[in-house]
Amino acid sequence: MWNETDFPEYGRQCELITPWRGYHRGTIVAKTAKGFVVQFSSGAEIDVYEDEIEFG
């Protein structure tokens, strides 16, 4: 059975290439068909394409 947290990037810190509302660093919390969901320290989450983030 597939688990929604069962992918290599889950839980990894990433940097947004273009900051979003002042945020530039977040955590990968989900994988989507187009990329990932990034969560910020405020709890906000956004969908990003793989080419919009970098891993440190």
C-alpha atoms as a PDB file:
ATOM      1  CA  MET A   1       0.000   0.000   0.000  1.00  0.00           C
ATOM      2  CA  TRP A   2       1.334   3.438  -0.959  1.00  0.00           C
ATOM      3  CA  ASN A   3       1.800   5.953   1.841  1.00  0.00           C
ATOM      4  CA  GLU A   4       1.531   9.673   1.032  1.00  0.00           C
ATOM      5  CA  THR A   5       4.721  10.304   3.018  1.00  0.00           C
ATOM      6  CA  ASP A   6       6.617   7.520   1.258  1.00  0.00           C
ATOM      7  CA  PHE A   7       8.848   9.502  -1.102  1.00  0.00           C
ATOM      8  CA  PRO A   8      12.496  10.561  -0.716  1.00  0.00           C
ATOM      9  CA  GLU A   9      11.901  14.311  -0.410  1.00  0.00           C
ATOM     10  CA  TYR A  10       9.333  14.069   2.423  1.00  0.00           C
ATOM     11  CA  GLY A  11      10.398  16.152   5.405  1.00  0.00           C
ATOM     12  CA  ARG A  12      13.356  17.749   3.611  1.00  0.00           C
ATOM     13  CA  GLN A  13      14.071  21.438   3.993  1.00  0.00           C
ATOM     14  CA  CYS A  14      14.077  23.402   0.754  1.00  0.00           C
ATOM     15  CA  GLU A  15      14.682  26.934  -0.466  1.00  0.00           C
ATOM     16  CA  LEU A  16      12.264  28.683  -2.792  1.00  0.00           C
ATOM     17  CA  ILE A  17      14.072  30.206  -5.756  1.00  0.00           C
ATOM     18  CA  THR A  18      11.525  33.068  -5.662  1.00  0.00           C
ATOM     19  CA  PRO A  19      10.342  33.887  -2.112  1.00  0.00           C
ATOM     20  CA  TRP A  20       6.608  33.678  -1.365  1.00  0.00           C
ATOM     21  CA  ARG A  21       5.173  36.354   0.965  1.00  0.00           C
ATOM     22  CA  GLY A  22       8.566  36.777   2.588  1.00  0.00           C
ATOM     23  CA  TYR A  23       9.143  33.054   3.063  1.00  0.00           C
ATOM     24  CA  HIS A  24      12.113  31.450   1.389  1.00  0.00           C
ATOM     25  CA  ARG A  25      12.650  28.250   3.393  1.00  0.00           C
ATOM     26  CA  GLY A  26      10.125  25.506   3.973  1.00  0.00           C
ATOM     27  CA  THR A  27       9.585  21.788   4.427  1.00  0.00           C
ATOM     28  CA  ILE A  28       8.315  19.318   1.831  1.00  0.00           C
ATOM     29  CA  VAL A  29       5.113  17.789   3.224  1.00  0.00           C
ATOM     30  CA  ALA A  30       3.476  16.194   0.168  1.00  0.00           C
ATOM     31  CA  LYS A  31       4.064  15.191  -3.438  1.00  0.00           C
ATOM     32  CA  THR A  32       1.667  16.285  -6.172  1.00  0.00           C
ATOM     33  CA  ALA A  33       1.325  15.430  -9.849  1.00  0.00           C
ATOM     34  CA  LYS A  34       3.180  18.653 -10.717  1.00  0.00           C
ATOM     35  CA  GLY A  35       5.686  18.890  -7.861  1.00  0.00           C
ATOM     36  CA  PHE A  36       5.458  19.284  -4.105  1.00  0.00           C
ATOM     37  CA  VAL A  37       3.574  20.963  -1.276  1.00  0.00           C
ATOM     38  CA  VAL A  38       5.858  23.161   0.835  1.00  0.00           C
ATOM     39  CA  GLN A  39       4.918  24.094   4.403  1.00  0.00           C
ATOM     40  CA  PHE A  40       6.292  27.180   6.135  1.00  0.00           C
ATOM     41  CA  SER A  41       6.836  27.929   9.826  1.00  0.00           C
ATOM     42  CA  SER A  42       3.499  29.791   9.920  1.00  0.00           C
ATOM     43  CA  GLY A  43       1.697  26.617   8.852  1.00  0.00           C
ATOM     44  CA  ALA A  44       0.914  28.019   5.398  1.00  0.00           C
ATOM     45  CA  GLU A  45       1.290  25.566   2.529  1.00  0.00           C
ATOM     46  CA  ILE A  46       1.790  26.181  -1.176  1.00  0.00           C
ATOM     47  CA  ASP A  47       2.105  23.982  -4.254  1.00  0.00           C
ATOM     48  CA  VAL A  48       5.372  24.348  -6.131  1.00  0.00           C
ATOM     49  CA  TYR A  49       6.897  22.867  -9.260  1.00  0.00           C
ATOM     50  CA  GLU A  50      10.131  20.935  -8.830  1.00  0.00           C
ATOM     51  CA  ASP A  51      12.078  23.665 -10.644  1.00  0.00           C
ATOM     52  CA  GLU A  52      10.885  26.327  -8.163  1.00  0.00           C
ATOM     53  CA  ILE A  53      12.856  24.893  -5.241  1.00  0.00           C
ATOM     54  CA  GLU A  54      16.392  23.883  -4.356  1.00  0.00           C
ATOM     55  CA  PHE A  55      17.633  21.514  -1.688  1.00  0.00           C
ATOM     56  CA  GLY A  56      20.464  22.740   0.517  1.00  0.00           C
END
